Amino acid sequence: MLITTKTHTEVNMSYKHLTINERNKIEVLRKEGYSSRRIAKILGFHHSTISRELKRCDNEYEAVYAQKDKIKKSSSKGRKPKVNDNITKCISEKLHKKWSPEQIANTVCKDIVSFKTIYNWIYSGIIDFDISKLRRKGKSRKVKETRGRFNIGKSINKRPKEVKKRNTFGHWELDTVVSSRGKSKGCLATFVERKTRFYIALPMVDRSKNSMLGAIEKLIQSLPLEALKTFTSDRGKEFACYEDVEKQGINFYFADAYSAWQRGSNENSNGLLREYYPKKTDLSKISINELIKNLVELNTRPRKCLEYQTPFNLFMHELSLV
């Protein structure tokens, strides 16, 4: 029986895997009585490749069964990474620092385990971690402003378009995280730099404009003016201090009413802070050292939106350039 043949120099010797078409040719040549070395020369493969291929079938070589064997063995490769104490210890430490499985899989365990495997290890008990503590779920709603109104300054619609694109450094979103109703007036002034997502929280005795001005002045005193180009906040009455802020050379803008998405970075960061301080927390009683520790954890946690870099590293880099 005649079959189309090619010389050793006429074929592509860079093949690494046999195709079903090549397996069919092997089957035909084998039935014609060709040796593995002769088949290898005809098809342009090393003879060891053909020799291994022929061993896929216990008896007479058949292309269909050889192809099925190849698919079966290939599908089992790379699955179920071996569990060892070093990996599970590393994952457990990061989980307790409130990293998500996805953040872990894309940084410290990159190319070792997938985030789905980490979830499976948690659910199966291989990693001892309370499933209910796996990052927050859902969105919180902000309490409606009931403290009256004030004449707001510039609308967010007048803010430079470059701010929205996050390409330039020094544009901040401001907000307030409050204690549970009836607990106390203690609260936190929060600031997030839009490009790097670097997050700062400063304690305040209450949500008055004087307290907020004091917190803003602390921020201004700690950073060069080049790192403080614009501020954007909601219309909470504590931000009635905006005129005093603008006197220091910083443009202040106000988001539209009921438009939290216009300050998405701050809303998201406040949600992350709530993982440490749930809504029932009396913020007047938290320690400064504990707050600093938690902020360090937040700012050194890799972010997907930053291609798994950390806000701290990016913020320090940007500061070095101003």
C-alpha atoms as a PDB file:
ATOM      1  CA  MET A   1       0.000   0.000   0.000  1.00  0.00           C
ATOM      2  CA  LEU A   2       1.405   3.377  -0.989  1.00  0.00           C
ATOM      3  CA  ILE A   3       1.505   6.309   1.421  1.00  0.00           C
ATOM      4  CA  THR A   4       2.791   9.813   0.774  1.00  0.00           C
ATOM      5  CA  THR A   5       6.297  10.038   2.192  1.00  0.00           C
ATOM      6  CA  LYS A   6       8.745  12.863   2.828  1.00  0.00           C
ATOM      7  CA  THR A   7      12.466  12.722   3.300  1.00  0.00           C
ATOM      8  CA  HIS A   8      14.108  13.698   6.561  1.00  0.00           C
ATOM      9  CA  THR A   9      15.046  17.115   5.172  1.00  0.00           C
ATOM     10  CA  GLU A  10      11.563  17.853   3.817  1.00  0.00           C
ATOM     11  CA  VAL A  11       9.722  17.848   7.113  1.00  0.00           C
ATOM     12  CA  ASN A  12       9.616  20.249  10.005  1.00  0.00           C
ATOM     13  CA  MET A  13      11.837  18.740  12.689  1.00  0.00           C
ATOM     14  CA  SER A  14      10.620  21.272  15.300  1.00  0.00           C
ATOM     15  CA  TYR A  15       7.401  19.313  16.011  1.00  0.00           C
ATOM     16  CA  LYS A  16       7.019  18.617  19.696  1.00  0.00           C
ATOM     17  CA  HIS A  17       3.615  16.917  19.724  1.00  0.00           C
ATOM     18  CA  LEU A  18       2.060  14.430  17.346  1.00  0.00           C
ATOM     19  CA  THR A  19      -1.246  15.345  15.742  1.00  0.00           C
ATOM     20  CA  ILE A  20      -4.111  12.952  15.044  1.00  0.00           C
ATOM     21  CA  ASN A  21      -3.190  13.082  11.341  1.00  0.00           C
ATOM     22  CA  GLU A  22       0.370  11.996  12.126  1.00  0.00           C
ATOM     23  CA  ARG A  23      -0.934   9.230  14.377  1.00  0.00           C
ATOM     24  CA  ASN A  24      -3.042   7.958  11.473  1.00  0.00           C
ATOM     25  CA  LYS A  25       0.096   7.824   9.310  1.00  0.00           C
ATOM     26  CA  ILE A  26       1.935   5.933  12.049  1.00  0.00           C
ATOM     27  CA  GLU A  27      -0.901   3.391  12.180  1.00  0.00           C
ATOM     28  CA  VAL A  28      -0.777   2.847   8.405  1.00  0.00           C
ATOM     29  CA  LEU A  29       3.023   2.583   8.299  1.00  0.00           C
ATOM     30  CA  ARG A  30       3.085   0.236  11.254  1.00  0.00           C
ATOM     31  CA  LYS A  31       0.574  -2.095   9.560  1.00  0.00           C
ATOM     32  CA  GLU A  32       2.814  -2.047   6.476  1.00  0.00           C
ATOM     33  CA  GLY A  33       5.598  -3.415   8.662  1.00  0.00           C
ATOM     34  CA  TYR A  34       7.784  -0.320   9.021  1.00  0.00           C
ATOM     35  CA  SER A  35      10.080  -0.135  12.066  1.00  0.00           C
ATOM     36  CA  SER A  36       9.919   2.730  14.536  1.00  0.00           C
ATOM     37  CA  ARG A  37      13.203   4.138  13.184  1.00  0.00           C
ATOM     38  CA  ARG A  38      11.946   4.047   9.612  1.00  0.00           C
ATOM     39  CA  ILE A  39       8.636   5.696  10.573  1.00  0.00           C
ATOM     40  CA  ALA A  40      10.549   8.391  12.470  1.00  0.00           C
ATOM     41  CA  LYS A  41      12.680   9.130   9.409  1.00  0.00           C
ATOM     42  CA  ILE A  42       9.669   9.306   7.105  1.00  0.00           C
ATOM     43  CA  LEU A  43       7.652  11.609   9.371  1.00  0.00           C
ATOM     44  CA  GLY A  44      10.608  13.679  10.582  1.00  0.00           C
ATOM     45  CA  PHE A  45      10.584  12.787  14.297  1.00  0.00           C
ATOM     46  CA  HIS A  46      13.272  11.440  16.567  1.00  0.00           C
ATOM     47  CA  HIS A  47      12.985   7.672  16.759  1.00  0.00           C
ATOM     48  CA  SER A  48      12.483   7.819  20.566  1.00  0.00           C
ATOM     49  CA  THR A  49       9.320   9.904  20.013  1.00  0.00           C
ATOM     50  CA  ILE A  50       7.848   7.241  17.749  1.00  0.00           C
ATOM     51  CA  SER A  51       8.986   4.472  20.074  1.00  0.00           C
ATOM     52  CA  ARG A  52       7.164   6.083  23.025  1.00  0.00           C
ATOM     53  CA  GLU A  53       4.122   6.704  20.866  1.00  0.00           C
ATOM     54  CA  LEU A  54       3.843   3.034  19.900  1.00  0.00           C
ATOM     55  CA  LYS A  55       3.801   2.093  23.581  1.00  0.00           C
ATOM     56  CA  ARG A  56       0.506   3.986  24.067  1.00  0.00           C
ATOM     57  CA  CYS A  57      -1.281   0.852  22.821  1.00  0.00           C
ATOM     58  CA  ASP A  58      -0.788  -2.504  24.544  1.00  0.00           C
ATOM     59  CA  ASN A  59      -1.355  -4.521  21.385  1.00  0.00           C
ATOM     60  CA  GLU A  60      -1.589  -3.316  17.793  1.00  0.00           C
ATOM     61  CA  TYR A  61      -1.161   0.450  17.418  1.00  0.00           C
ATOM     62  CA  GLU A  62      -4.396   2.341  16.658  1.00  0.00           C
ATOM     63  CA  ALA A  63      -4.414   6.106  16.143  1.00  0.00           C
ATOM     64  CA  VAL A  64      -7.816   6.697  17.776  1.00  0.00           C
ATOM     65  CA  TYR A  65      -6.874   4.974  21.029  1.00  0.00           C
ATOM     66  CA  ALA A  66      -3.445   6.633  21.063  1.00  0.00           C
ATOM     67  CA  GLN A  67      -5.086  10.053  20.715  1.00  0.00           C
ATOM     68  CA  LYS A  68      -7.476   9.328  23.584  1.00  0.00           C
ATOM     69  CA  ASP A  69      -4.570   8.221  25.773  1.00  0.00           C
ATOM     70  CA  LYS A  70      -2.694  11.428  24.985  1.00  0.00           C
ATOM     71  CA  ILE A  71      -5.696  13.657  25.866  1.00  0.00           C
ATOM     72  CA  LYS A  72      -6.329  11.773  29.106  1.00  0.00           C
ATOM     73  CA  LYS A  73      -2.740  12.117  30.307  1.00  0.00           C
ATOM     74  CA  SER A  74      -2.465  15.771  29.243  1.00  0.00           C
ATOM     75  CA  SER A  75      -5.640  16.759  31.118  1.00  0.00           C
ATOM     76  CA  SER A  76      -4.226  15.411  34.381  1.00  0.00           C
ATOM     77  CA  LYS A  77      -1.029  17.454  34.189  1.00  0.00           C
ATOM     78  CA  GLY A  78      -0.609  20.438  36.480  1.00  0.00           C
ATOM     79  CA  ARG A  79      -3.612  19.656  38.641  1.00  0.00           C
ATOM     80  CA  LYS A  80      -3.813  19.454  42.403  1.00  0.00           C
ATOM     81  CA  PRO A  81      -0.570  21.179  43.434  1.00  0.00           C
ATOM     82  CA  LYS A  82       1.132  19.372  46.258  1.00  0.00           C
ATOM     83  CA  VAL A  83       0.246  20.716  49.678  1.00  0.00           C
ATOM     84  CA  ASN A  84       3.184  21.546  51.912  1.00  0.00           C
ATOM     85  CA  ASP A  85       3.536  23.352  55.223  1.00  0.00           C
ATOM     86  CA  ASN A  86       5.476  26.315  53.818  1.00  0.00           C
ATOM     87  CA  ILE A  87       2.793  27.143  51.245  1.00  0.00           C
ATOM     88  CA  THR A  88      -0.169  26.729  53.606  1.00  0.00           C
ATOM     89  CA  LYS A  89       1.591  28.724  56.335  1.00  0.00           C
ATOM     90  CA  CYS A  90       2.276  31.591  53.910  1.00  0.00           C
ATOM     91  CA  ILE A  91      -1.323  31.574  52.671  1.00  0.00           C
ATOM     92  CA  SER A  92      -2.710  31.444  56.207  1.00  0.00           C
ATOM     93  CA  GLU A  93      -0.581  34.421  57.305  1.00  0.00           C
ATOM     94  CA  LYS A  94      -1.820  36.540  54.386  1.00  0.00           C
ATOM     95  CA  LEU A  95      -5.445  35.523  54.933  1.00  0.00           C
ATOM     96  CA  HIS A  96      -5.202  36.680  58.542  1.00  0.00           C
ATOM     97  CA  LYS A  97      -3.866  40.002  57.219  1.00  0.00           C
ATOM     98  CA  LYS A  98      -7.098  40.217  55.211  1.00  0.00           C
ATOM     99  CA  TRP A  99      -5.594  39.449  51.799  1.00  0.00           C
ATOM    100  CA  SER A 100      -7.984  37.785  49.360  1.00  0.00           C
ATOM    101  CA  PRO A 101      -7.105  34.388  47.778  1.00  0.00           C
ATOM    102  CA  GLU A 102      -6.808  36.192  44.430  1.00  0.00           C
ATOM    103  CA  GLN A 103      -4.276  38.694  45.833  1.00  0.00           C
ATOM    104  CA  ILE A 104      -2.247  35.842  47.335  1.00  0.00           C
ATOM    105  CA  ALA A 105      -2.292  33.742  44.157  1.00  0.00           C
ATOM    106  CA  ASN A 106      -1.103  36.638  42.008  1.00  0.00           C
ATOM    107  CA  THR A 107       1.788  37.724  44.264  1.00  0.00           C
ATOM    108  CA  VAL A 108       3.478  35.581  46.926  1.00  0.00           C
ATOM    109  CA  CYS A 109       2.113  32.321  45.448  1.00  0.00           C
ATOM    110  CA  LYS A 110       2.341  33.289  41.781  1.00  0.00           C
ATOM    111  CA  ASP A 111       2.901  30.217  39.556  1.00  0.00           C
ATOM    112  CA  ILE A 112       2.519  27.963  42.612  1.00  0.00           C
ATOM    113  CA  VAL A 113      -1.226  27.773  43.280  1.00  0.00           C
ATOM    114  CA  SER A 114      -4.321  29.375  41.767  1.00  0.00           C
ATOM    115  CA  PHE A 115      -6.822  31.382  43.789  1.00  0.00           C
ATOM    116  CA  LYS A 116      -9.402  28.636  43.156  1.00  0.00           C
ATOM    117  CA  THR A 117      -7.057  26.113  44.764  1.00  0.00           C
ATOM    118  CA  ILE A 118      -6.684  28.372  47.794  1.00  0.00           C
ATOM    119  CA  TYR A 119     -10.477  28.543  48.132  1.00  0.00           C
ATOM    120  CA  ASN A 120     -10.670  24.753  47.821  1.00  0.00           C
ATOM    121  CA  TRP A 121      -8.029  24.304  50.527  1.00  0.00           C
ATOM    122  CA  ILE A 122      -9.984  26.601  52.848  1.00  0.00           C
ATOM    123  CA  TYR A 123     -13.316  24.870  52.196  1.00  0.00           C
ATOM    124  CA  SER A 124     -11.770  21.399  52.608  1.00  0.00           C
ATOM    125  CA  GLY A 125     -10.039  22.321  55.871  1.00  0.00           C
ATOM    126  CA  ILE A 126      -6.481  21.975  54.546  1.00  0.00           C
ATOM    127  CA  ILE A 127      -6.017  25.614  55.558  1.00  0.00           C
ATOM    128  CA  ASP A 128      -7.562  26.417  58.919  1.00  0.00           C
ATOM    129  CA  PHE A 129      -9.370  29.701  58.326  1.00  0.00           C
ATOM    130  CA  ASP A 130     -12.855  30.936  59.185  1.00  0.00           C
ATOM    131  CA  ILE A 131     -14.735  31.078  55.861  1.00  0.00           C
ATOM    132  CA  SER A 132     -16.997  33.848  57.160  1.00  0.00           C
ATOM    133  CA  LYS A 133     -13.955  36.136  57.385  1.00  0.00           C
ATOM    134  CA  LEU A 134     -13.145  35.862  53.691  1.00  0.00           C
ATOM    135  CA  ARG A 135     -13.242  39.506  52.665  1.00  0.00           C
ATOM    136  CA  ARG A 136     -16.416  41.556  52.802  1.00  0.00           C
ATOM    137  CA  LYS A 137     -19.515  40.861  50.746  1.00  0.00           C
ATOM    138  CA  GLY A 138     -22.052  43.316  49.398  1.00  0.00           C
ATOM    139  CA  LYS A 139     -22.059  47.081  49.676  1.00  0.00           C
ATOM    140  CA  SER A 140     -22.831  49.329  52.583  1.00  0.00           C
ATOM    141  CA  ARG A 141     -25.119  52.332  52.328  1.00  0.00           C
ATOM    142  CA  LYS A 142     -24.200  55.688  53.701  1.00  0.00           C
ATOM    143  CA  VAL A 143     -26.549  57.387  56.142  1.00  0.00           C
ATOM    144  CA  LYS A 144     -28.453  60.258  54.572  1.00  0.00           C
ATOM    145  CA  GLU A 145     -27.173  63.710  55.549  1.00  0.00           C
ATOM    146  CA  THR A 146     -29.514  65.249  58.127  1.00  0.00           C
ATOM    147  CA  ARG A 147     -27.373  68.075  59.509  1.00  0.00           C
ATOM    148  CA  GLY A 148     -28.590  70.771  57.169  1.00  0.00           C
ATOM    149  CA  ARG A 149     -26.975  72.227  54.074  1.00  0.00           C
ATOM    150  CA  PHE A 150     -24.269  74.731  53.207  1.00  0.00           C
ATOM    151  CA  ASN A 151     -23.251  76.548  50.067  1.00  0.00           C
ATOM    152  CA  ILE A 152     -20.982  74.102  48.345  1.00  0.00           C
ATOM    153  CA  GLY A 153     -18.030  75.198  46.273  1.00  0.00           C
ATOM    154  CA  LYS A 154     -17.005  73.932  42.840  1.00  0.00           C
ATOM    155  CA  SER A 155     -18.907  71.001  41.343  1.00  0.00           C
ATOM    156  CA  ILE A 156     -17.056  67.855  40.325  1.00  0.00           C
ATOM    157  CA  ASN A 157     -18.137  68.660  36.783  1.00  0.00           C
ATOM    158  CA  LYS A 158     -15.616  71.517  36.809  1.00  0.00           C
ATOM    159  CA  ARG A 159     -12.765  69.280  37.972  1.00  0.00           C
ATOM    160  CA  PRO A 160      -9.979  68.755  35.350  1.00  0.00           C
ATOM    161  CA  LYS A 161     -10.607  65.680  33.202  1.00  0.00           C
ATOM    162  CA  GLU A 162      -7.121  64.359  33.964  1.00  0.00           C
ATOM    163  CA  VAL A 163      -8.239  63.657  37.528  1.00  0.00           C
ATOM    164  CA  LYS A 164     -10.803  61.093  36.396  1.00  0.00           C
ATOM    165  CA  LYS A 165      -8.209  59.252  34.284  1.00  0.00           C
ATOM    166  CA  ARG A 166      -5.937  58.652  37.321  1.00  0.00           C
ATOM    167  CA  ASN A 167      -2.834  59.348  35.247  1.00  0.00           C
ATOM    168  CA  THR A 168      -1.524  62.153  37.453  1.00  0.00           C
ATOM    169  CA  PHE A 169      -0.500  62.069  41.099  1.00  0.00           C
ATOM    170  CA  GLY A 170      -1.836  64.254  43.891  1.00  0.00           C
ATOM    171  CA  HIS A 171      -5.606  64.077  43.513  1.00  0.00           C
ATOM    172  CA  TRP A 172      -7.430  62.984  46.678  1.00  0.00           C
ATOM    173  CA  GLU A 173     -10.889  61.785  47.663  1.00  0.00           C
ATOM    174  CA  LEU A 174     -12.122  62.654  51.177  1.00  0.00           C
ATOM    175  CA  ASP A 175     -14.761  61.104  53.382  1.00  0.00           C
ATOM    176  CA  THR A 176     -15.729  60.327  56.974  1.00  0.00           C
ATOM    177  CA  VAL A 177     -16.140  56.957  58.698  1.00  0.00           C
ATOM    178  CA  VAL A 178     -18.420  57.264  61.716  1.00  0.00           C
ATOM    179  CA  SER A 179     -19.181  55.273  64.854  1.00  0.00           C
ATOM    180  CA  SER A 180     -22.437  53.394  65.243  1.00  0.00           C
ATOM    181  CA  ARG A 181     -25.396  55.640  66.064  1.00  0.00           C
ATOM    182  CA  GLY A 182     -25.655  56.183  69.796  1.00  0.00           C
ATOM    183  CA  LYS A 183     -22.095  54.953  70.435  1.00  0.00           C
ATOM    184  CA  SER A 184     -20.167  58.211  70.295  1.00  0.00           C
ATOM    185  CA  LYS A 185     -19.325  61.148  68.061  1.00  0.00           C
ATOM    186  CA  GLY A 186     -15.821  59.783  67.451  1.00  0.00           C
ATOM    187  CA  CYS A 187     -15.034  59.266  63.755  1.00  0.00           C
ATOM    188  CA  LEU A 188     -12.249  59.085  61.188  1.00  0.00           C
ATOM    189  CA  ALA A 189     -11.384  61.489  58.402  1.00  0.00           C
ATOM    190  CA  THR A 190     -10.280  59.373  55.438  1.00  0.00           C
ATOM    191  CA  PHE A 191      -8.189  60.332  52.429  1.00  0.00           C
ATOM    192  CA  VAL A 192      -7.248  58.259  49.378  1.00  0.00           C
ATOM    193  CA  GLU A 193      -4.897  59.312  46.590  1.00  0.00           C
ATOM    194  CA  ARG A 194      -6.616  58.372  43.329  1.00  0.00           C
ATOM    195  CA  LYS A 195      -3.654  57.190  41.240  1.00  0.00           C
ATOM    196  CA  THR A 196      -1.930  55.006  43.844  1.00  0.00           C
ATOM    197  CA  ARG A 197      -4.951  54.195  46.104  1.00  0.00           C
ATOM    198  CA  PHE A 198      -2.800  55.134  49.106  1.00  0.00           C
ATOM    199  CA  TYR A 199      -5.125  55.468  52.083  1.00  0.00           C
ATOM    200  CA  ILE A 200      -4.924  57.613  55.213  1.00  0.00           C
ATOM    201  CA  ALA A 201      -7.318  57.759  58.188  1.00  0.00           C
ATOM    202  CA  LEU A 202      -7.082  60.364  60.957  1.00  0.00           C
ATOM    203  CA  PRO A 203      -9.148  60.340  64.193  1.00  0.00           C
ATOM    204  CA  MET A 204     -11.578  63.162  64.891  1.00  0.00           C
ATOM    205  CA  VAL A 205     -13.578  63.885  68.058  1.00  0.00           C
ATOM    206  CA  ASP A 206     -16.675  64.635  65.978  1.00  0.00           C
ATOM    207  CA  ARG A 207     -17.893  65.273  62.435  1.00  0.00           C
ATOM    208  CA  SER A 208     -17.782  69.071  62.631  1.00  0.00           C
ATOM    209  CA  LYS A 209     -16.147  71.289  60.037  1.00  0.00           C
ATOM    210  CA  ASN A 210     -13.531  72.394  62.582  1.00  0.00           C
ATOM    211  CA  SER A 211     -12.518  68.796  63.281  1.00  0.00           C
ATOM    212  CA  MET A 212     -12.330  68.054  59.569  1.00  0.00           C
ATOM    213  CA  LEU A 213     -10.262  71.184  58.953  1.00  0.00           C
ATOM    214  CA  GLY A 214      -7.866  70.059  61.665  1.00  0.00           C
ATOM    215  CA  ALA A 215      -7.484  66.631  60.033  1.00  0.00           C
ATOM    216  CA  ILE A 216      -6.962  68.155  56.575  1.00  0.00           C
ATOM    217  CA  GLU A 217      -4.307  70.516  57.954  1.00  0.00           C
ATOM    218  CA  LYS A 218      -2.448  67.523  59.435  1.00  0.00           C
ATOM    219  CA  LEU A 219      -2.420  65.935  55.985  1.00  0.00           C
ATOM    220  CA  ILE A 220      -1.223  69.143  54.348  1.00  0.00           C
ATOM    221  CA  GLN A 221       1.585  69.534  56.880  1.00  0.00           C
ATOM    222  CA  SER A 222       2.806  65.972  56.261  1.00  0.00           C
ATOM    223  CA  LEU A 223       3.097  66.151  52.471  1.00  0.00           C
ATOM    224  CA  PRO A 224       4.628  68.515  49.888  1.00  0.00           C
ATOM    225  CA  LEU A 225       2.099  70.785  48.190  1.00  0.00           C
ATOM    226  CA  GLU A 226       2.931  69.137  44.831  1.00  0.00           C
ATOM    227  CA  ALA A 227       1.322  65.964  46.190  1.00  0.00           C
ATOM    228  CA  LEU A 228      -1.900  67.833  47.026  1.00  0.00           C
ATOM    229  CA  LYS A 229      -3.399  69.141  43.791  1.00  0.00           C
ATOM    230  CA  THR A 230      -7.130  68.580  44.322  1.00  0.00           C
ATOM    231  CA  PHE A 231      -9.602  67.317  46.932  1.00  0.00           C
ATOM    232  CA  THR A 232     -12.999  65.804  46.126  1.00  0.00           C
ATOM    233  CA  SER A 233     -15.624  65.044  48.787  1.00  0.00           C
ATOM    234  CA  ASP A 234     -19.333  64.421  49.198  1.00  0.00           C
ATOM    235  CA  ARG A 235     -21.656  67.147  50.495  1.00  0.00           C
ATOM    236  CA  GLY A 236     -21.350  66.260  54.174  1.00  0.00           C
ATOM    237  CA  LYS A 237     -21.509  69.318  56.397  1.00  0.00           C
ATOM    238  CA  GLU A 238     -18.021  68.636  57.806  1.00  0.00           C
ATOM    239  CA  PHE A 239     -16.633  69.746  54.437  1.00  0.00           C
ATOM    240  CA  ALA A 240     -18.014  73.265  54.882  1.00  0.00           C
ATOM    241  CA  CYS A 241     -14.373  74.068  55.705  1.00  0.00           C
ATOM    242  CA  TYR A 242     -13.454  73.896  52.010  1.00  0.00           C
ATOM    243  CA  GLU A 243     -12.846  77.656  51.679  1.00  0.00           C
ATOM    244  CA  ASP A 244     -10.112  77.517  54.316  1.00  0.00           C
ATOM    245  CA  VAL A 245      -8.538  74.615  52.456  1.00  0.00           C
ATOM    246  CA  GLU A 246      -8.570  76.419  49.112  1.00  0.00           C
ATOM    247  CA  LYS A 247      -6.757  79.363  50.708  1.00  0.00           C
ATOM    248  CA  GLN A 248      -3.796  76.989  51.014  1.00  0.00           C
ATOM    249  CA  GLY A 249      -3.639  76.454  47.259  1.00  0.00           C
ATOM    250  CA  ILE A 250      -5.643  73.224  46.924  1.00  0.00           C
ATOM    251  CA  ASN A 251      -8.678  73.079  44.634  1.00  0.00           C
ATOM    252  CA  PHE A 252     -11.713  71.557  46.366  1.00  0.00           C
ATOM    253  CA  TYR A 253     -14.554  69.877  44.434  1.00  0.00           C
ATOM    254  CA  PHE A 254     -17.882  68.409  45.503  1.00  0.00           C
ATOM    255  CA  ALA A 255     -19.465  65.251  44.075  1.00  0.00           C
ATOM    256  CA  ASP A 256     -23.089  65.260  43.021  1.00  0.00           C
ATOM    257  CA  ALA A 257     -25.662  64.294  45.634  1.00  0.00           C
ATOM    258  CA  TYR A 258     -26.251  60.536  45.995  1.00  0.00           C
ATOM    259  CA  SER A 259     -23.380  59.752  43.598  1.00  0.00           C
ATOM    260  CA  ALA A 260     -20.946  57.676  45.666  1.00  0.00           C
ATOM    261  CA  TRP A 261     -19.564  56.165  42.463  1.00  0.00           C
ATOM    262  CA  GLN A 262     -17.922  59.543  41.708  1.00  0.00           C
ATOM    263  CA  ARG A 263     -15.623  58.861  44.672  1.00  0.00           C
ATOM    264  CA  GLY A 264     -15.227  55.141  44.145  1.00  0.00           C
ATOM    265  CA  SER A 265     -11.693  54.883  45.523  1.00  0.00           C
ATOM    266  CA  ASN A 266     -12.643  56.321  48.902  1.00  0.00           C
ATOM    267  CA  GLU A 267     -15.879  54.361  49.159  1.00  0.00           C
ATOM    268  CA  ASN A 268     -13.994  51.131  48.447  1.00  0.00           C
ATOM    269  CA  SER A 269     -11.163  51.927  50.869  1.00  0.00           C
ATOM    270  CA  ASN A 270     -13.628  52.798  53.624  1.00  0.00           C
ATOM    271  CA  GLY A 271     -15.206  49.415  53.067  1.00  0.00           C
ATOM    272  CA  LEU A 272     -11.815  47.750  53.503  1.00  0.00           C
ATOM    273  CA  LEU A 273     -11.263  49.703  56.726  1.00  0.00           C
ATOM    274  CA  ARG A 274     -14.601  48.415  58.002  1.00  0.00           C
ATOM    275  CA  GLU A 275     -13.108  44.915  57.952  1.00  0.00           C
ATOM    276  CA  TYR A 276     -11.067  46.076  60.937  1.00  0.00           C
ATOM    277  CA  TYR A 277     -13.703  48.337  62.462  1.00  0.00           C
ATOM    278  CA  PRO A 278     -17.256  47.013  61.902  1.00  0.00           C
ATOM    279  CA  LYS A 279     -20.142  49.449  62.118  1.00  0.00           C
ATOM    280  CA  LYS A 280     -20.767  48.766  65.798  1.00  0.00           C
ATOM    281  CA  THR A 281     -17.267  49.973  66.699  1.00  0.00           C
ATOM    282  CA  ASP A 282     -16.884  53.008  68.933  1.00  0.00           C
ATOM    283  CA  LEU A 283     -14.193  54.840  66.969  1.00  0.00           C
ATOM    284  CA  SER A 284     -13.430  57.155  69.891  1.00  0.00           C
ATOM    285  CA  LYS A 285     -11.912  54.194  71.737  1.00  0.00           C
ATOM    286  CA  ILE A 286      -9.583  52.706  69.102  1.00  0.00           C
ATOM    287  CA  SER A 287      -5.859  53.056  69.746  1.00  0.00           C
ATOM    288  CA  ILE A 288      -3.620  55.069  67.421  1.00  0.00           C
ATOM    289  CA  ASN A 289      -1.065  52.251  67.278  1.00  0.00           C
ATOM    290  CA  GLU A 290      -3.737  49.776  66.221  1.00  0.00           C
ATOM    291  CA  LEU A 291      -5.033  52.190  63.573  1.00  0.00           C
ATOM    292  CA  ILE A 292      -1.526  52.694  62.177  1.00  0.00           C
ATOM    293  CA  LYS A 293      -0.937  48.920  62.080  1.00  0.00           C
ATOM    294  CA  ASN A 294      -4.169  48.357  60.187  1.00  0.00           C
ATOM    295  CA  LEU A 295      -3.443  51.153  57.708  1.00  0.00           C
ATOM    296  CA  VAL A 296      -0.003  49.666  57.042  1.00  0.00           C
ATOM    297  CA  GLU A 297      -1.666  46.323  56.284  1.00  0.00           C
ATOM    298  CA  LEU A 298      -4.137  47.988  53.927  1.00  0.00           C
ATOM    299  CA  ASN A 299      -1.476  49.958  52.066  1.00  0.00           C
ATOM    300  CA  THR A 300       0.891  47.002  51.701  1.00  0.00           C
ATOM    301  CA  ARG A 301      -1.830  44.701  50.364  1.00  0.00           C
ATOM    302  CA  PRO A 302      -1.464  44.182  46.584  1.00  0.00           C
ATOM    303  CA  ARG A 303      -4.359  45.435  44.473  1.00  0.00           C
ATOM    304  CA  LYS A 304      -5.682  43.913  41.275  1.00  0.00           C
ATOM    305  CA  CYS A 305      -6.436  47.395  39.896  1.00  0.00           C
ATOM    306  CA  LEU A 306      -2.735  48.240  40.371  1.00  0.00           C
ATOM    307  CA  GLU A 307      -1.605  45.046  38.610  1.00  0.00           C
ATOM    308  CA  TYR A 308      -0.920  43.554  42.050  1.00  0.00           C
ATOM    309  CA  GLN A 309       1.436  46.289  43.144  1.00  0.00           C
ATOM    310  CA  THR A 310       0.852  47.880  46.554  1.00  0.00           C
ATOM    311  CA  PRO A 311      -0.460  51.402  47.227  1.00  0.00           C
ATOM    312  CA  PHE A 312       2.489  52.023  49.564  1.00  0.00           C
ATOM    313  CA  ASN A 313       5.174  51.246  46.964  1.00  0.00           C
ATOM    314  CA  LEU A 314       3.460  53.291  44.260  1.00  0.00           C
ATOM    315  CA  PHE A 315       2.841  56.230  46.607  1.00  0.00           C
ATOM    316  CA  MET A 316       6.483  56.291  47.746  1.00  0.00           C
ATOM    317  CA  HIS A 317       7.617  56.194  44.132  1.00  0.00           C
ATOM    318  CA  GLU A 318       5.370  59.120  43.179  1.00  0.00           C
ATOM    319  CA  LEU A 319       6.521  61.110  46.214  1.00  0.00           C
ATOM    320  CA  SER A 320      10.144  60.654  45.161  1.00  0.00           C
ATOM    321  CA  LEU A 321       9.330  62.370  41.865  1.00  0.00           C
ATOM    322  CA  VAL A 322       7.741  65.565  43.233  1.00  0.00           C
END
